[in-house]
C-alpha atoms as a PDB file:
ATOM      1  CA  UNK A   1    -145.694   0.035-133.457  1.00  0.00           C
ATOM      2  CA  UNK A   2    -148.902  -1.909-132.833  1.00  0.00           C
ATOM      3  CA  UNK A   3    -149.307  -3.817-129.562  1.00  0.00           C
ATOM      4  CA  UNK A   4    -151.067  -7.166-130.062  1.00  0.00           C
ATOM      5  CA  UNK A   5    -150.546  -8.720-126.634  1.00  0.00           C
ATOM      6  CA  UNK A   6    -149.318  -7.325-123.358  1.00  0.00           C
ATOM      7  CA  UNK A   7    -148.558  -9.043-120.077  1.00  0.00           C
ATOM      8  CA  UNK A   8    -146.030  -8.025-117.415  1.00  0.00           C
ATOM      9  CA  UNK A   9    -143.704 -10.824-118.557  1.00  0.00           C
ATOM     10  CA  UNK A  10    -144.167 -10.770-122.357  1.00  0.00           C
ATOM     11  CA  UNK A  11    -145.457  -8.592-125.198  1.00  0.00           C
ATOM     12  CA  UNK A  12    -146.188  -9.102-128.881  1.00  0.00           C
ATOM     13  CA  UNK A  13    -145.870  -6.104-131.171  1.00  0.00           C
ATOM     14  CA  UNK A  14    -145.866  -5.407-134.878  1.00  0.00           C
ATOM     15  CA  UNK A  15    -143.405  -2.905-136.266  1.00  0.00           C
ATOM     16  CA  UNK A  16    -143.183  -2.426-140.010  1.00  0.00           C
ATOM     17  CA  UNK A  17    -143.398  -5.991-141.343  1.00  0.00           C
ATOM     18  CA  UNK A  18    -142.014  -7.686-138.228  1.00  0.00           C
ATOM     19  CA  UNK A  19    -143.931  -9.550-135.544  1.00  0.00           C
ATOM     20  CA  UNK A  20    -141.853  -9.199-132.344  1.00  0.00           C
ATOM     21  CA  UNK A  21    -141.975 -11.107-129.071  1.00  0.00           C
ATOM     22  CA  UNK A  22    -140.330  -9.444-126.069  1.00  0.00           C
ATOM     23  CA  UNK A  23    -140.001 -11.179-122.705  1.00  0.00           C
ATOM     24  CA  UNK A  24    -140.228 -14.725-121.474  1.00  0.00           C
ATOM     25  CA  UNK A  25    -142.855 -16.978-122.984  1.00  0.00           C
ATOM     26  CA  UNK A  26    -144.314 -19.506-120.596  1.00  0.00           C
ATOM     27  CA  UNK A  27    -146.936 -22.186-120.954  1.00  0.00           C
ATOM     28  CA  UNK A  28    -149.635 -20.211-119.115  1.00  0.00           C
ATOM     29  CA  UNK A  29    -149.537 -17.457-121.749  1.00  0.00           C
ATOM     30  CA  UNK A  30    -148.749 -19.505-124.850  1.00  0.00           C
ATOM     31  CA  UNK A  31    -152.291 -19.879-126.192  1.00  0.00           C
ATOM     32  CA  UNK A  32    -153.136 -16.185-125.801  1.00  0.00           C
ATOM     33  CA  UNK A  33    -149.776 -15.147-127.196  1.00  0.00           C
ATOM     34  CA  UNK A  34    -150.154 -17.385-130.243  1.00  0.00           C
ATOM     35  CA  UNK A  35    -153.764 -16.302-130.764  1.00  0.00           C
ATOM     36  CA  UNK A  36    -152.821 -12.617-130.807  1.00  0.00           C
ATOM     37  CA  UNK A  37    -150.388 -13.203-133.669  1.00  0.00           C
ATOM     38  CA  UNK A  38    -152.759 -15.549-135.499  1.00  0.00           C
ATOM     39  CA  UNK A  39    -155.558 -12.986-135.382  1.00  0.00           C
ATOM     40  CA  UNK A  40    -153.298 -10.294-136.778  1.00  0.00           C
ATOM     41  CA  UNK A  41    -151.806 -12.570-139.460  1.00  0.00           C
ATOM     42  CA  UNK A  42    -155.282 -13.596-140.638  1.00  0.00           C
ATOM     43  CA  UNK A  43    -156.203  -9.960-141.259  1.00  0.00           C
ATOM     44  CA  UNK A  44    -152.973  -8.413-142.493  1.00  0.00           C
ATOM     45  CA  UNK A  45    -152.572  -7.476-146.123  1.00  0.00           C
ATOM     46  CA  UNK A  46    -148.813  -7.999-145.988  1.00  0.00           C
ATOM     47  CA  UNK A  47    -147.402 -10.605-148.347  1.00  0.00           C
ATOM     48  CA  UNK A  48    -144.069 -10.937-146.528  1.00  0.00           C
ATOM     49  CA  UNK A  49    -143.165 -10.822-142.838  1.00  0.00           C
ATOM     50  CA  UNK A  50    -140.326 -11.402-140.406  1.00  0.00           C
ATOM     51  CA  UNK A  51    -140.479 -12.831-136.901  1.00  0.00           C
ATOM     52  CA  UNK A  52    -138.266 -11.465-134.137  1.00  0.00           C
ATOM     53  CA  UNK A  53    -137.756 -13.544-130.993  1.00  0.00           C
ATOM     54  CA  UNK A  54    -134.361 -11.956-130.283  1.00  0.00           C
ATOM     55  CA  UNK A  55    -135.570 -10.445-127.000  1.00  0.00           C
ATOM     56  CA  UNK A  56    -136.806 -13.735-125.565  1.00  0.00           C
ATOM     57  CA  UNK A  57    -134.019 -14.531-123.140  1.00  0.00           C
ATOM     58  CA  UNK A  58    -135.234 -17.825-121.696  1.00  0.00           C
ATOM     59  CA  UNK A  59    -135.014 -20.856-123.965  1.00  0.00           C
ATOM     60  CA  UNK A  60    -138.452 -22.408-124.123  1.00  0.00           C
ATOM     61  CA  UNK A  61    -140.090 -24.860-126.451  1.00  0.00           C
ATOM     62  CA  UNK A  62    -143.264 -22.844-125.845  1.00  0.00           C
ATOM     63  CA  UNK A  63    -141.785 -19.908-127.794  1.00  0.00           C
ATOM     64  CA  UNK A  64    -140.929 -22.245-130.660  1.00  0.00           C
ATOM     65  CA  UNK A  65    -144.477 -23.647-130.561  1.00  0.00           C
ATOM     66  CA  UNK A  66    -145.862 -20.120-130.903  1.00  0.00           C
ATOM     67  CA  UNK A  67    -143.589 -19.603-133.903  1.00  0.00           C
ATOM     68  CA  UNK A  68    -144.846 -22.830-135.506  1.00  0.00           C
ATOM     69  CA  UNK A  69    -148.442 -21.696-135.101  1.00  0.00           C
ATOM     70  CA  UNK A  70    -147.637 -18.398-136.800  1.00  0.00           C
ATOM     71  CA  UNK A  71    -145.755 -20.188-139.578  1.00  0.00           C
ATOM     72  CA  UNK A  72    -148.795 -22.398-140.170  1.00  0.00           C
ATOM     73  CA  UNK A  73    -150.998 -19.330-140.667  1.00  0.00           C
ATOM     74  CA  UNK A  74    -148.416 -17.773-142.978  1.00  0.00           C
ATOM     75  CA  UNK A  75    -148.455 -20.930-145.055  1.00  0.00           C
ATOM     76  CA  UNK A  76    -152.260 -20.912-145.240  1.00  0.00           C
ATOM     77  CA  UNK A  77    -152.337 -17.251-146.262  1.00  0.00           C
ATOM     78  CA  UNK A  78    -149.332 -17.424-148.635  1.00  0.00           C
ATOM     79  CA  UNK A  79    -147.394 -14.899-146.559  1.00  0.00           C
ATOM     80  CA  UNK A  80    -143.686 -15.298-147.219  1.00  0.00           C
ATOM     81  CA  UNK A  81    -141.534 -15.445-144.097  1.00  0.00           C
ATOM     82  CA  UNK A  82    -138.389 -13.507-144.859  1.00  0.00           C
ATOM     83  CA  UNK A  83    -136.419 -13.926-141.632  1.00  0.00           C
ATOM     84  CA  UNK A  84    -136.693 -15.392-138.165  1.00  0.00           C
ATOM     85  CA  UNK A  85    -134.496 -13.866-135.466  1.00  0.00           C
ATOM     86  CA  UNK A  86    -133.898 -15.814-132.269  1.00  0.00           C
ATOM     87  CA  UNK A  87    -132.053 -14.890-129.096  1.00  0.00           C
ATOM     88  CA  UNK A  88    -128.947 -16.947-128.353  1.00  0.00           C
ATOM     89  CA  UNK A  89    -130.772 -19.224-125.858  1.00  0.00           C
ATOM     90  CA  UNK A  90    -133.611 -19.884-128.307  1.00  0.00           C
ATOM     91  CA  UNK A  91    -131.140 -20.467-131.142  1.00  0.00           C
ATOM     92  CA  UNK A  92    -129.342 -23.112-129.040  1.00  0.00           C
ATOM     93  CA  UNK A  93    -132.642 -24.827-128.266  1.00  0.00           C
ATOM     94  CA  UNK A  94    -133.705 -24.726-131.915  1.00  0.00           C
ATOM     95  CA  UNK A  95    -130.344 -26.121-132.945  1.00  0.00           C
ATOM     96  CA  UNK A  96    -130.672 -28.922-130.399  1.00  0.00           C
ATOM     97  CA  UNK A  97    -134.077 -29.710-131.922  1.00  0.00           C
ATOM     98  CA  UNK A  98    -132.473 -29.635-135.400  1.00  0.00           C
ATOM     99  CA  UNK A  99    -134.534 -26.652-136.565  1.00  0.00           C
ATOM    100  CA  UNK A 100    -131.567 -24.650-137.912  1.00  0.00           C
ATOM    101  CA  UNK A 101    -132.741 -24.807-141.526  1.00  0.00           C
ATOM    102  CA  UNK A 102    -136.143 -23.426-140.586  1.00  0.00           C
ATOM    103  CA  UNK A 103    -134.629 -20.440-138.821  1.00  0.00           C
ATOM    104  CA  UNK A 104    -131.958 -19.628-141.365  1.00  0.00           C
ATOM    105  CA  UNK A 105    -134.008 -20.163-144.530  1.00  0.00           C
ATOM    106  CA  UNK A 106    -137.699 -19.887-143.578  1.00  0.00           C
ATOM    107  CA  UNK A 107    -138.975 -19.098-147.078  1.00  0.00           C
ATOM    108  CA  UNK A 108    -137.293 -22.190-148.503  1.00  0.00           C
ATOM    109  CA  UNK A 109    -138.937 -24.461-145.943  1.00  0.00           C
ATOM    110  CA  UNK A 110    -142.430 -23.049-146.386  1.00  0.00           C
ATOM    111  CA  UNK A 111    -144.451 -25.062-148.881  1.00  0.00           C
ATOM    112  CA  UNK A 112    -147.248 -22.868-150.167  1.00  0.00           C
END
């Protein structure tokens, strides 16, 4: 496992081909959190990746914004997103925002 970002309330790690967020994402950390993943995505040689937000227990649009930033970089670099895992609270928020298709079929929604 590679640690990309660490704060007492949230971490970003890479394990195998999965970028994982653990903890509660808040607005004060969002830019640094997103930047840590962007930096790694810009330098990885992987052609496919998964995102795991399943251990983010607090529903927050900030976490979804971080995901969108990472998806944008994946699109630029032609990295296929295989799966996106959300915790139940984040899944409810994403569903409320009508983002279900993005979460369930990320590769189909990515236009490369």
